Amino acid sequence: MNHSAILMVIIWALWFLSTPFDYFLDELPFYTTYNYTLAFISTLLVFAWYLVDTKGIGVQSSKKLNIGVLLIPIIFIPYYLVKYKGWKRSVISFSKFAGLLALLIAYSELINYYYSYEAQ
């Protein structure tokens, strides 16, 4: 497995494992700090994936794109994918991401249903 794929697995594992913790930590005073920390770590991991991916395809990206990916990845990652990988590969990447995100949302709802049912 290449470095880019390893980083994506780490990102998805972090998001997957953090979902149950949301329900355990909801009442604790540091819950907001936990969410901010998770968002910060996720952003850094996405940026690390982006840097590894640009090196993997041999692209020298601009400083503006680097800053954009670091600050607003939801906009600049799709831009990067379309610009440097082409439309077809970008659509495939978007589809995989959307599918995994749908699975993660379904998983989150399942956990929410389980713990709300258990509380009754």
PDB file of N, CA and C in Angstrom:
ATOM      1  N   MET A   1       0.839  -1.168   0.000  1.00  0.00           N
ATOM      2  CA  MET A   1       0.000   0.000   0.000  1.00  0.00           C
ATOM      3  C   MET A   1       0.893   1.243   0.000  1.00  0.00           C
ATOM      4  N   ASN A   2       0.554   2.225  -0.810  1.00  0.00           N
ATOM      5  CA  ASN A   2       1.375   3.432  -0.869  1.00  0.00           C
ATOM      6  C   ASN A   2       1.051   4.376   0.298  1.00  0.00           C
ATOM      7  N   HIS A   3       1.848   5.400   0.473  1.00  0.00           N
ATOM      8  CA  HIS A   3       1.704   6.314   1.601  1.00  0.00           C
ATOM      9  C   HIS A   3       0.383   7.068   1.567  1.00  0.00           C
ATOM     10  N   SER A   4      -0.061   7.422   0.379  1.00  0.00           N
ATOM     11  CA  SER A   4      -1.327   8.136   0.240  1.00  0.00           C
ATOM     12  C   SER A   4      -2.493   7.282   0.739  1.00  0.00           C
ATOM     13  N   ALA A   5      -2.493   6.022   0.367  1.00  0.00           N
ATOM     14  CA  ALA A   5      -3.563   5.117   0.806  1.00  0.00           C
ATOM     15  C   ALA A   5      -3.501   4.882   2.313  1.00  0.00           C
ATOM     16  N   ILE A   6      -2.309   4.780   2.861  1.00  0.00           N
ATOM     17  CA  ILE A   6      -2.160   4.585   4.302  1.00  0.00           C
ATOM     18  C   ILE A   6      -2.732   5.776   5.073  1.00  0.00           C
ATOM     19  N   LEU A   7      -2.439   6.989   4.605  1.00  0.00           N
ATOM     20  CA  LEU A   7      -2.977   8.178   5.259  1.00  0.00           C
ATOM     21  C   LEU A   7      -4.498   8.224   5.170  1.00  0.00           C
ATOM     22  N   MET A   8      -5.061   7.828   4.040  1.00  0.00           N
ATOM     23  CA  MET A   8      -6.521   7.811   3.913  1.00  0.00           C
ATOM     24  C   MET A   8      -7.132   6.791   4.863  1.00  0.00           C
ATOM     25  N   VAL A   9      -6.505   5.651   5.030  1.00  0.00           N
ATOM     26  CA  VAL A   9      -7.004   4.647   5.978  1.00  0.00           C
ATOM     27  C   VAL A   9      -6.956   5.203   7.403  1.00  0.00           C
ATOM     28  N   ILE A  10      -5.906   5.912   7.747  1.00  0.00           N
ATOM     29  CA  ILE A  10      -5.792   6.511   9.078  1.00  0.00           C
ATOM     30  C   ILE A  10      -6.893   7.546   9.294  1.00  0.00           C
ATOM     31  N   ILE A  11      -7.141   8.383   8.286  1.00  0.00           N
ATOM     32  CA  ILE A  11      -8.189   9.405   8.397  1.00  0.00           C
ATOM     33  C   ILE A  11      -9.546   8.753   8.615  1.00  0.00           C
ATOM     34  N   TRP A  12      -9.868   7.758   7.780  1.00  0.00           N
ATOM     35  CA  TRP A  12     -11.168   7.102   7.917  1.00  0.00           C
ATOM     36  C   TRP A  12     -11.269   6.353   9.235  1.00  0.00           C
ATOM     37  N   ALA A  13     -10.191   5.735   9.699  1.00  0.00           N
ATOM     38  CA  ALA A  13     -10.216   5.034  10.984  1.00  0.00           C
ATOM     39  C   ALA A  13     -10.453   6.020  12.125  1.00  0.00           C
ATOM     40  N   LEU A  14      -9.811   7.178  12.060  1.00  0.00           N
ATOM     41  CA  LEU A  14     -10.016   8.199  13.074  1.00  0.00           C
ATOM     42  C   LEU A  14     -11.471   8.629  13.112  1.00  0.00           C
ATOM     43  N   TRP A  15     -12.059   8.904  11.964  1.00  0.00           N
ATOM     44  CA  TRP A  15     -13.458   9.316  11.913  1.00  0.00           C
ATOM     45  C   TRP A  15     -14.380   8.186  12.357  1.00  0.00           C
ATOM     46  N   PHE A  16     -14.048   6.953  11.960  1.00  0.00           N
ATOM     47  CA  PHE A  16     -14.868   5.803  12.311  1.00  0.00           C
ATOM     48  C   PHE A  16     -14.849   5.554  13.818  1.00  0.00           C
ATOM     49  N   LEU A  17     -13.680   5.616  14.416  1.00  0.00           N
ATOM     50  CA  LEU A  17     -13.554   5.357  15.845  1.00  0.00           C
ATOM     51  C   LEU A  17     -14.046   6.517  16.708  1.00  0.00           C
ATOM     52  N   SER A  18     -14.026   7.724  16.157  1.00  0.00           N
ATOM     53  CA  SER A  18     -14.466   8.868  16.954  1.00  0.00           C
ATOM     54  C   SER A  18     -15.983   8.925  17.094  1.00  0.00           C
ATOM     55  N   THR A  19     -16.703   8.266  16.207  1.00  0.00           N
ATOM     56  CA  THR A  19     -18.163   8.321  16.251  1.00  0.00           C
ATOM     57  C   THR A  19     -18.739   7.787  17.560  1.00  0.00           C
ATOM     58  N   PRO A  20     -18.334   6.605  18.036  1.00  0.00           N
ATOM     59  CA  PRO A  20     -18.889   6.155  19.318  1.00  0.00           C
ATOM     60  C   PRO A  20     -18.492   7.044  20.494  1.00  0.00           C
ATOM     61  N   PHE A  21     -17.303   7.641  20.435  1.00  0.00           N
ATOM     62  CA  PHE A  21     -16.860   8.507  21.518  1.00  0.00           C
ATOM     63  C   PHE A  21     -17.747   9.741  21.655  1.00  0.00           C
ATOM     64  N   ASP A  22     -18.341  10.183  20.547  1.00  0.00           N
ATOM     65  CA  ASP A  22     -19.252  11.329  20.617  1.00  0.00           C
ATOM     66  C   ASP A  22     -20.382  11.077  21.608  1.00  0.00           C
ATOM     67  N   TYR A  23     -20.855   9.856  21.674  1.00  0.00           N
ATOM     68  CA  TYR A  23     -21.966   9.540  22.567  1.00  0.00           C
ATOM     69  C   TYR A  23     -21.502   9.323  24.005  1.00  0.00           C
ATOM     70  N   PHE A  24     -20.281   8.865  24.183  1.00  0.00           N
ATOM     71  CA  PHE A  24     -19.759   8.675  25.529  1.00  0.00           C
ATOM     72  C   PHE A  24     -19.326   9.990  26.165  1.00  0.00           C
ATOM     73  N   LEU A  25     -18.803  10.898  25.359  1.00  0.00           N
ATOM     74  CA  LEU A  25     -18.227  12.136  25.882  1.00  0.00           C
ATOM     75  C   LEU A  25     -19.180  13.313  25.858  1.00  0.00           C
ATOM     76  N   ASP A  26     -20.399  13.098  25.402  1.00  0.00           N
ATOM     77  CA  ASP A  26     -21.339  14.196  25.200  1.00  0.00           C
ATOM     78  C   ASP A  26     -21.596  15.016  26.463  1.00  0.00           C
ATOM     79  N   GLU A  27     -21.633  14.394  27.600  1.00  0.00           N
ATOM     80  CA  GLU A  27     -21.952  15.093  28.844  1.00  0.00           C
ATOM     81  C   GLU A  27     -20.725  15.651  29.561  1.00  0.00           C
ATOM     82  N   LEU A  28     -19.550  15.338  29.102  1.00  0.00           N
ATOM     83  CA  LEU A  28     -18.341  15.768  29.806  1.00  0.00           C
ATOM     84  C   LEU A  28     -17.988  17.215  29.454  1.00  0.00           C
ATOM     85  N   PRO A  29     -17.328  17.927  30.365  1.00  0.00           N
ATOM     86  CA  PRO A  29     -17.033  19.348  30.119  1.00  0.00           C
ATOM     87  C   PRO A  29     -16.025  19.593  28.997  1.00  0.00           C
ATOM     88  N   PHE A  30     -15.201  18.608  28.658  1.00  0.00           N
ATOM     89  CA  PHE A  30     -14.202  18.829  27.613  1.00  0.00           C
ATOM     90  C   PHE A  30     -14.675  18.341  26.243  1.00  0.00           C
ATOM     91  N   TYR A  31     -15.972  18.105  26.095  1.00  0.00           N
ATOM     92  CA  TYR A  31     -16.512  17.596  24.830  1.00  0.00           C
ATOM     93  C   TYR A  31     -16.209  18.540  23.661  1.00  0.00           C
ATOM     94  N   THR A  32     -16.379  19.836  23.862  1.00  0.00           N
ATOM     95  CA  THR A  32     -16.098  20.799  22.797  1.00  0.00           C
ATOM     96  C   THR A  32     -14.620  20.788  22.444  1.00  0.00           C
ATOM     97  N   THR A  33     -13.751  20.692  23.431  1.00  0.00           N
ATOM     98  CA  THR A  33     -12.320  20.603  23.176  1.00  0.00           C
ATOM     99  C   THR A  33     -11.998  19.349  22.378  1.00  0.00           C
ATOM    100  N   TYR A  34     -12.665  18.261  22.697  1.00  0.00           N
ATOM    101  CA  TYR A  34     -12.489  17.013  21.957  1.00  0.00           C
ATOM    102  C   TYR A  34     -12.853  17.201  20.485  1.00  0.00           C
ATOM    103  N   ASN A  35     -13.966  17.861  20.215  1.00  0.00           N
ATOM    104  CA  ASN A  35     -14.383  18.089  18.826  1.00  0.00           C
ATOM    105  C   ASN A  35     -13.397  18.972  18.078  1.00  0.00           C
ATOM    106  N   TYR A  36     -12.929  20.031  18.721  1.00  0.00           N
ATOM    107  CA  TYR A  36     -11.951  20.909  18.073  1.00  0.00           C
ATOM    108  C   TYR A  36     -10.644  20.168  17.802  1.00  0.00           C
ATOM    109  N   THR A  37     -10.225  19.355  18.752  1.00  0.00           N
ATOM    110  CA  THR A  37      -8.998  18.576  18.572  1.00  0.00           C
ATOM    111  C   THR A  37      -9.156  17.585  17.429  1.00  0.00           C
ATOM    112  N   LEU A  38     -10.289  16.922  17.368  1.00  0.00           N
ATOM    113  CA  LEU A  38     -10.554  15.979  16.284  1.00  0.00           C
ATOM    114  C   LEU A  38     -10.555  16.682  14.925  1.00  0.00           C
ATOM    115  N   ALA A  39     -11.174  17.851  14.853  1.00  0.00           N
ATOM    116  CA  ALA A  39     -11.198  18.611  13.604  1.00  0.00           C
ATOM    117  C   ALA A  39      -9.793  19.054  13.204  1.00  0.00           C
ATOM    118  N   PHE A  40      -9.007  19.494  14.172  1.00  0.00           N
ATOM    119  CA  PHE A  40      -7.642  19.937  13.898  1.00  0.00           C
ATOM    120  C   PHE A  40      -6.780  18.774  13.397  1.00  0.00           C
ATOM    121  N   ILE A  41      -6.858  17.637  14.079  1.00  0.00           N
ATOM    122  CA  ILE A  41      -6.078  16.461  13.669  1.00  0.00           C
ATOM    123  C   ILE A  41      -6.520  15.978  12.291  1.00  0.00           C
ATOM    124  N   SER A  42      -7.825  15.988  12.043  1.00  0.00           N
ATOM    125  CA  SER A  42      -8.338  15.566  10.734  1.00  0.00           C
ATOM    126  C   SER A  42      -7.834  16.481   9.618  1.00  0.00           C
ATOM    127  N   THR A  43      -7.838  17.779   9.877  1.00  0.00           N
ATOM    128  CA  THR A  43      -7.354  18.739   8.877  1.00  0.00           C
ATOM    129  C   THR A  43      -5.874  18.520   8.594  1.00  0.00           C
ATOM    130  N   LEU A  44      -5.089  18.288   9.632  1.00  0.00           N
ATOM    131  CA  LEU A  44      -3.659  18.033   9.420  1.00  0.00           C
ATOM    132  C   LEU A  44      -3.426  16.731   8.661  1.00  0.00           C
ATOM    133  N   LEU A  45      -4.211  15.709   8.948  1.00  0.00           N
ATOM    134  CA  LEU A  45      -4.075  14.441   8.222  1.00  0.00           C
ATOM    135  C   LEU A  45      -4.478  14.583   6.760  1.00  0.00           C
ATOM    136  N   VAL A  46      -5.542  15.345   6.495  1.00  0.00           N
ATOM    137  CA  VAL A  46      -5.947  15.587   5.103  1.00  0.00           C
ATOM    138  C   VAL A  46      -4.857  16.366   4.369  1.00  0.00           C
ATOM    139  N   PHE A  47      -4.262  17.356   5.024  1.00  0.00           N
ATOM    140  CA  PHE A  47      -3.183  18.118   4.405  1.00  0.00           C
ATOM    141  C   PHE A  47      -1.967  17.223   4.153  1.00  0.00           C
ATOM    142  N   ALA A  48      -1.658  16.347   5.103  1.00  0.00           N
ATOM    143  CA  ALA A  48      -0.542  15.410   4.906  1.00  0.00           C
ATOM    144  C   ALA A  48      -0.823  14.488   3.727  1.00  0.00           C
ATOM    145  N   TRP A  49      -2.077  14.022   3.604  1.00  0.00           N
ATOM    146  CA  TRP A  49      -2.442  13.190   2.457  1.00  0.00           C
ATOM    147  C   TRP A  49      -2.235  13.962   1.158  1.00  0.00           C
ATOM    148  N   TYR A  50      -2.670  15.211   1.153  1.00  0.00           N
ATOM    149  CA  TYR A  50      -2.531  16.051  -0.036  1.00  0.00           C
ATOM    150  C   TYR A  50      -1.052  16.201  -0.435  1.00  0.00           C
ATOM    151  N   LEU A  51      -0.184  16.465   0.539  1.00  0.00           N
ATOM    152  CA  LEU A  51       1.248  16.615   0.232  1.00  0.00           C
ATOM    153  C   LEU A  51       1.850  15.317  -0.289  1.00  0.00           C
ATOM    154  N   VAL A  52       1.491  14.193   0.330  1.00  0.00           N
ATOM    155  CA  VAL A  52       2.000  12.891  -0.132  1.00  0.00           C
ATOM    156  C   VAL A  52       1.472  12.585  -1.529  1.00  0.00           C
ATOM    157  N   ASP A  53       0.212  12.917  -1.775  1.00  0.00           N
ATOM    158  CA  ASP A  53      -0.387  12.649  -3.082  1.00  0.00           C
ATOM    159  C   ASP A  53       0.251  13.498  -4.181  1.00  0.00           C
ATOM    160  N   THR A  54       0.543  14.767  -3.888  1.00  0.00           N
ATOM    161  CA  THR A  54       1.192  15.613  -4.898  1.00  0.00           C
ATOM    162  C   THR A  54       2.590  15.098  -5.226  1.00  0.00           C
ATOM    163  N   LYS A  55       3.313  14.644  -4.215  1.00  0.00           N
ATOM    164  CA  LYS A  55       4.638  14.061  -4.472  1.00  0.00           C
ATOM    165  C   LYS A  55       4.518  12.767  -5.257  1.00  0.00           C
ATOM    166  N   GLY A  56       3.479  11.988  -4.951  1.00  0.00           N
ATOM    167  CA  GLY A  56       3.285  10.703  -5.620  1.00  0.00           C
ATOM    168  C   GLY A  56       3.010  10.830  -7.105  1.00  0.00           C
ATOM    169  N   ILE A  57       2.316  11.904  -7.501  1.00  0.00           N
ATOM    170  CA  ILE A  57       2.050  12.088  -8.937  1.00  0.00           C
ATOM    171  C   ILE A  57       3.049  13.041  -9.582  1.00  0.00           C
ATOM    172  N   GLY A  58       4.000  13.534  -8.786  1.00  0.00           N
ATOM    173  CA  GLY A  58       5.064  14.376  -9.333  1.00  0.00           C
ATOM    174  C   GLY A  58       4.627  15.776  -9.696  1.00  0.00           C
ATOM    175  N   VAL A  59       3.756  16.357  -8.890  1.00  0.00           N
ATOM    176  CA  VAL A  59       3.221  17.689  -9.170  1.00  0.00           C
ATOM    177  C   VAL A  59       3.792  18.679  -8.170  1.00  0.00           C
ATOM    178  N   GLN A  60       4.178  19.837  -8.647  1.00  0.00           N
ATOM    179  CA  GLN A  60       4.617  20.926  -7.782  1.00  0.00           C
ATOM    180  C   GLN A  60       3.451  21.907  -7.679  1.00  0.00           C
ATOM    181  N   SER A  61       2.743  21.866  -6.558  1.00  0.00           N
ATOM    182  CA  SER A  61       1.574  22.734  -6.403  1.00  0.00           C
ATOM    183  C   SER A  61       2.004  24.102  -5.880  1.00  0.00           C
ATOM    184  N   SER A  62       1.141  25.082  -6.083  1.00  0.00           N
ATOM    185  CA  SER A  62       1.467  26.447  -5.671  1.00  0.00           C
ATOM    186  C   SER A  62       1.259  26.633  -4.171  1.00  0.00           C
ATOM    187  N   LYS A  63       1.856  27.684  -3.650  1.00  0.00           N
ATOM    188  CA  LYS A  63       1.694  27.997  -2.228  1.00  0.00           C
ATOM    189  C   LYS A  63       0.243  28.366  -1.919  1.00  0.00           C
ATOM    190  N   LYS A  64      -0.418  29.040  -2.864  1.00  0.00           N
ATOM    191  CA  LYS A  64      -1.817  29.406  -2.650  1.00  0.00           C
ATOM    192  C   LYS A  64      -2.697  28.161  -2.524  1.00  0.00           C
ATOM    193  N   LEU A  65      -2.439  27.165  -3.353  1.00  0.00           N
ATOM    194  CA  LEU A  65      -3.211  25.932  -3.268  1.00  0.00           C
ATOM    195  C   LEU A  65      -2.910  25.203  -1.960  1.00  0.00           C
ATOM    196  N   ASN A  66      -1.656  25.194  -1.533  1.00  0.00           N
ATOM    197  CA  ASN A  66      -1.296  24.579  -0.251  1.00  0.00           C
ATOM    198  C   ASN A  66      -2.041  25.231   0.907  1.00  0.00           C
ATOM    199  N   ILE A  67      -2.055  26.556   0.928  1.00  0.00           N
ATOM    200  CA  ILE A  67      -2.752  27.283   1.993  1.00  0.00           C
ATOM    201  C   ILE A  67      -4.257  27.023   1.915  1.00  0.00           C
ATOM    202  N   GLY A  68      -4.798  27.008   0.696  1.00  0.00           N
ATOM    203  CA  GLY A  68      -6.223  26.734   0.521  1.00  0.00           C
ATOM    204  C   GLY A  68      -6.605  25.352   1.021  1.00  0.00           C
ATOM    205  N   VAL A  69      -5.786  24.346   0.711  1.00  0.00           N
ATOM    206  CA  VAL A  69      -6.059  22.983   1.171  1.00  0.00           C
ATOM    207  C   VAL A  69      -5.969  22.898   2.690  1.00  0.00           C
ATOM    208  N   LEU A  70      -5.049  23.615   3.279  1.00  0.00           N
ATOM    209  CA  LEU A  70      -4.904  23.604   4.732  1.00  0.00           C
ATOM    210  C   LEU A  70      -6.061  24.320   5.426  1.00  0.00           C
ATOM    211  N   LEU A  71      -6.514  25.444   4.880  1.00  0.00           N
ATOM    212  CA  LEU A  71      -7.544  26.242   5.544  1.00  0.00           C
ATOM    213  C   LEU A  71      -8.969  25.839   5.178  1.00  0.00           C
ATOM    214  N   ILE A  72      -9.211  25.528   3.896  1.00  0.00           N
ATOM    215  CA  ILE A  72     -10.567  25.191   3.438  1.00  0.00           C
ATOM    216  C   ILE A  72     -10.499  23.949   2.544  1.00  0.00           C
ATOM    217  N   PRO A  73     -10.215  22.787   3.130  1.00  0.00           N
ATOM    218  CA  PRO A  73     -10.025  21.587   2.306  1.00  0.00           C
ATOM    219  C   PRO A  73     -11.273  21.154   1.539  1.00  0.00           C
ATOM    220  N   ILE A  74     -12.460  21.465   2.034  1.00  0.00           N
ATOM    221  CA  ILE A  74     -13.685  21.026   1.372  1.00  0.00           C
ATOM    222  C   ILE A  74     -13.830  21.661  -0.015  1.00  0.00           C
ATOM    223  N   ILE A  75     -13.213  22.798  -0.225  1.00  0.00           N
ATOM    224  CA  ILE A  75     -13.254  23.463  -1.529  1.00  0.00           C
ATOM    225  C   ILE A  75     -12.010  23.137  -2.354  1.00  0.00           C
ATOM    226  N   PHE A  76     -10.841  23.172  -1.737  1.00  0.00           N
ATOM    227  CA  PHE A  76      -9.599  23.072  -2.492  1.00  0.00           C
ATOM    228  C   PHE A  76      -9.155  21.646  -2.815  1.00  0.00           C
ATOM    229  N   ILE A  77      -9.590  20.645  -2.063  1.00  0.00           N
ATOM    230  CA  ILE A  77      -9.265  19.259  -2.429  1.00  0.00           C
ATOM    231  C   ILE A  77      -9.954  18.879  -3.747  1.00  0.00           C
ATOM    232  N   PRO A  78     -11.261  19.152  -3.915  1.00  0.00           N
ATOM    233  CA  PRO A  78     -11.862  18.860  -5.226  1.00  0.00           C
ATOM    234  C   PRO A  78     -11.195  19.638  -6.372  1.00  0.00           C
ATOM    235  N   TYR A  79     -10.833  20.899  -6.102  1.00  0.00           N
ATOM    236  CA  TYR A  79     -10.139  21.696  -7.122  1.00  0.00           C
ATOM    237  C   TYR A  79      -8.813  21.032  -7.504  1.00  0.00           C
ATOM    238  N   TYR A  80      -8.065  20.606  -6.493  1.00  0.00           N
ATOM    239  CA  TYR A  80      -6.787  19.933  -6.738  1.00  0.00           C
ATOM    240  C   TYR A  80      -6.993  18.659  -7.555  1.00  0.00           C
ATOM    241  N   LEU A  81      -7.984  17.866  -7.169  1.00  0.00           N
ATOM    242  CA  LEU A  81      -8.212  16.606  -7.875  1.00  0.00           C
ATOM    243  C   LEU A  81      -8.550  16.832  -9.344  1.00  0.00           C
ATOM    244  N   VAL A  82      -9.437  17.777  -9.615  1.00  0.00           N
ATOM    245  CA  VAL A  82      -9.822  18.043 -11.008  1.00  0.00           C
ATOM    246  C   VAL A  82      -8.648  18.629 -11.786  1.00  0.00           C
ATOM    247  N   LYS A  83      -7.916  19.546 -11.191  1.00  0.00           N
ATOM    248  CA  LYS A  83      -6.824  20.213 -11.900  1.00  0.00           C
ATOM    249  C   LYS A  83      -5.673  19.256 -12.226  1.00  0.00           C
ATOM    250  N   TYR A  84      -5.283  18.426 -11.262  1.00  0.00           N
ATOM    251  CA  TYR A  84      -4.082  17.625 -11.458  1.00  0.00           C
ATOM    252  C   TYR A  84      -4.337  16.165 -11.813  1.00  0.00           C
ATOM    253  N   LYS A  85      -5.534  15.663 -11.552  1.00  0.00           N
ATOM    254  CA  LYS A  85      -5.798  14.259 -11.852  1.00  0.00           C
ATOM    255  C   LYS A  85      -6.807  14.070 -12.977  1.00  0.00           C
ATOM    256  N   GLY A  86      -7.428  15.137 -13.397  1.00  0.00           N
ATOM    257  CA  GLY A  86      -8.390  15.035 -14.484  1.00  0.00           C
ATOM    258  C   GLY A  86      -9.801  14.771 -13.979  1.00  0.00           C
ATOM    259  N   TRP A  87     -10.736  14.994 -14.879  1.00  0.00           N
ATOM    260  CA  TRP A  87     -12.141  14.908 -14.524  1.00  0.00           C
ATOM    261  C   TRP A  87     -12.555  13.471 -14.171  1.00  0.00           C
ATOM    262  N   LYS A  88     -12.155  12.494 -14.979  1.00  0.00           N
ATOM    263  CA  LYS A  88     -12.597  11.109 -14.776  1.00  0.00           C
ATOM    264  C   LYS A  88     -12.098  10.550 -13.437  1.00  0.00           C
ATOM    265  N   ARG A  89     -10.823  10.697 -13.161  1.00  0.00           N
ATOM    266  CA  ARG A  89     -10.279  10.202 -11.891  1.00  0.00           C
ATOM    267  C   ARG A  89     -10.867  10.955 -10.701  1.00  0.00           C
ATOM    268  N   SER A  90     -11.177  12.236 -10.899  1.00  0.00           N
ATOM    269  CA  SER A  90     -11.777  13.021  -9.822  1.00  0.00           C
ATOM    270  C   SER A  90     -13.178  12.533  -9.492  1.00  0.00           C
ATOM    271  N   VAL A  91     -13.962  12.218 -10.529  1.00  0.00           N
ATOM    272  CA  VAL A  91     -15.319  11.708 -10.305  1.00  0.00           C
ATOM    273  C   VAL A  91     -15.259  10.373  -9.559  1.00  0.00           C
ATOM    274  N   ILE A  92     -14.304   9.536  -9.921  1.00  0.00           N
ATOM    275  CA  ILE A  92     -14.140   8.258  -9.212  1.00  0.00           C
ATOM    276  C   ILE A  92     -13.771   8.507  -7.752  1.00  0.00           C
ATOM    277  N   SER A  93     -12.852   9.434  -7.503  1.00  0.00           N
ATOM    278  CA  SER A  93     -12.463   9.762  -6.127  1.00  0.00           C
ATOM    279  C   SER A  93     -13.634  10.348  -5.344  1.00  0.00           C
ATOM    280  N   PHE A  94     -14.396  11.269  -5.964  1.00  0.00           N
ATOM    281  CA  PHE A  94     -15.561  11.847  -5.306  1.00  0.00           C
ATOM    282  C   PHE A  94     -16.583  10.771  -4.967  1.00  0.00           C
ATOM    283  N   SER A  95     -16.787   9.830  -5.881  1.00  0.00           N
ATOM    284  CA  SER A  95     -17.756   8.754  -5.654  1.00  0.00           C
ATOM    285  C   SER A  95     -17.333   7.867  -4.484  1.00  0.00           C
ATOM    286  N   LYS A  96     -16.060   7.524  -4.436  1.00  0.00           N
ATOM    287  CA  LYS A  96     -15.563   6.724  -3.315  1.00  0.00           C
ATOM    288  C   LYS A  96     -15.737   7.477  -1.998  1.00  0.00           C
ATOM    289  N   PHE A  97     -15.388   8.751  -2.007  1.00  0.00           N
ATOM    290  CA  PHE A  97     -15.519   9.563  -0.803  1.00  0.00           C
ATOM    291  C   PHE A  97     -16.975   9.658  -0.365  1.00  0.00           C
ATOM    292  N   ALA A  98     -17.871   9.923  -1.315  1.00  0.00           N
ATOM    293  CA  ALA A  98     -19.291  10.036  -0.982  1.00  0.00           C
ATOM    294  C   ALA A  98     -19.836   8.711  -0.448  1.00  0.00           C
ATOM    295  N   GLY A  99     -19.412   7.605  -1.027  1.00  0.00           N
ATOM    296  CA  GLY A  99     -19.853   6.298  -0.544  1.00  0.00           C
ATOM    297  C   GLY A  99     -19.369   6.017   0.859  1.00  0.00           C
ATOM    298  N   LEU A 100     -18.104   6.302   1.121  1.00  0.00           N
ATOM    299  CA  LEU A 100     -17.564   6.097   2.470  1.00  0.00           C
ATOM    300  C   LEU A 100     -18.214   7.043   3.476  1.00  0.00           C
ATOM    301  N   LEU A 101     -18.470   8.261   3.045  1.00  0.00           N
ATOM    302  CA  LEU A 101     -19.127   9.209   3.931  1.00  0.00           C
ATOM    303  C   LEU A 101     -20.557   8.763   4.236  1.00  0.00           C
ATOM    304  N   ALA A 102     -21.258   8.236   3.245  1.00  0.00           N
ATOM    305  CA  ALA A 102     -22.607   7.715   3.473  1.00  0.00           C
ATOM    306  C   ALA A 102     -22.573   6.543   4.456  1.00  0.00           C
ATOM    307  N   LEU A 103     -21.578   5.668   4.323  1.00  0.00           N
ATOM    308  CA  LEU A 103     -21.433   4.561   5.273  1.00  0.00           C
ATOM    309  C   LEU A 103     -21.137   5.070   6.681  1.00  0.00           C
ATOM    310  N   LEU A 104     -20.303   6.089   6.776  1.00  0.00           N
ATOM    311  CA  LEU A 104     -19.974   6.664   8.078  1.00  0.00           C
ATOM    312  C   LEU A 104     -21.201   7.310   8.721  1.00  0.00           C
ATOM    313  N   ILE A 105     -22.011   7.993   7.923  1.00  0.00           N
ATOM    314  CA  ILE A 105     -23.234   8.608   8.444  1.00  0.00           C
ATOM    315  C   ILE A 105     -24.220   7.529   8.893  1.00  0.00           C
ATOM    316  N   ALA A 106     -24.353   6.464   8.097  1.00  0.00           N
ATOM    317  CA  ALA A 106     -25.234   5.360   8.479  1.00  0.00           C
ATOM    318  C   ALA A 106     -24.745   4.712   9.782  1.00  0.00           C
ATOM    319  N   TYR A 107     -23.448   4.543   9.892  1.00  0.00           N
ATOM    320  CA  TYR A 107     -22.846   3.989  11.111  1.00  0.00           C
ATOM    321  C   TYR A 107     -23.138   4.887  12.306  1.00  0.00           C
ATOM    322  N   SER A 108     -23.004   6.188  12.127  1.00  0.00           N
ATOM    323  CA  SER A 108     -23.276   7.145  13.193  1.00  0.00           C
ATOM    324  C   SER A 108     -24.743   7.075  13.620  1.00  0.00           C
ATOM    325  N   GLU A 109     -25.641   6.987  12.649  1.00  0.00           N
ATOM    326  CA  GLU A 109     -27.066   6.890  12.969  1.00  0.00           C
ATOM    327  C   GLU A 109     -27.392   5.585  13.677  1.00  0.00           C
ATOM    328  N   LEU A 110     -26.725   4.518  13.278  1.00  0.00           N
ATOM    329  CA  LEU A 110     -26.927   3.225  13.932  1.00  0.00           C
ATOM    330  C   LEU A 110     -26.494   3.288  15.400  1.00  0.00           C
ATOM    331  N   ILE A 111     -25.361   3.900  15.660  1.00  0.00           N
ATOM    332  CA  ILE A 111     -24.889   4.052  17.038  1.00  0.00           C
ATOM    333  C   ILE A 111     -25.836   4.957  17.819  1.00  0.00           C
ATOM    334  N   ASN A 112     -26.288   6.016  17.194  1.00  0.00           N
ATOM    335  CA  ASN A 112     -27.236   6.921  17.840  1.00  0.00           C
ATOM    336  C   ASN A 112     -28.518   6.171  18.199  1.00  0.00           C
ATOM    337  N   TYR A 113     -29.022   5.384  17.286  1.00  0.00           N
ATOM    338  CA  TYR A 113     -30.233   4.597  17.536  1.00  0.00           C
ATOM    339  C   TYR A 113     -29.995   3.590  18.657  1.00  0.00           C
ATOM    340  N   TYR A 114     -28.870   2.924  18.638  1.00  0.00           N
ATOM    341  CA  TYR A 114     -28.551   1.925  19.658  1.00  0.00           C
ATOM    342  C   TYR A 114     -28.507   2.535  21.048  1.00  0.00           C
ATOM    343  N   TYR A 115     -27.800   3.657  21.195  1.00  0.00           N
ATOM    344  CA  TYR A 115     -27.664   4.255  22.529  1.00  0.00           C
ATOM    345  C   TYR A 115     -28.939   4.950  22.981  1.00  0.00           C
ATOM    346  N   SER A 116     -29.722   5.490  22.060  1.00  0.00           N
ATOM    347  CA  SER A 116     -30.984   6.085  22.467  1.00  0.00           C
ATOM    348  C   SER A 116     -31.992   4.998  22.832  1.00  0.00           C
ATOM    349  N   TYR A 117     -31.942   3.852  22.170  1.00  0.00           N
ATOM    350  CA  TYR A 117     -32.822   2.728  22.503  1.00  0.00           C
ATOM    351  C   TYR A 117     -32.406   2.116  23.836  1.00  0.00           C
ATOM    352  N   GLU A 118     -31.109   2.028  24.045  1.00  0.00           N
ATOM    353  CA  GLU A 118     -30.580   1.442  25.288  1.00  0.00           C
ATOM    354  C   GLU A 118     -30.922   2.318  26.488  1.00  0.00           C
ATOM    355  N   ALA A 119     -30.994   3.625  26.292  1.00  0.00           N
ATOM    356  CA  ALA A 119     -31.273   4.546  27.386  1.00  0.00           C
ATOM    357  C   ALA A 119     -32.731   4.459  27.841  1.00  0.00           C
ATOM    358  N   GLN A 120     -33.615   3.937  27.025  1.00  0.00           N
ATOM    359  CA  GLN A 120     -35.051   3.870  27.375  1.00  0.00           C
ATOM    360  C   GLN A 120     -35.358   2.756  28.300  1.00  0.00           C
TER     361      GLN A 120
END
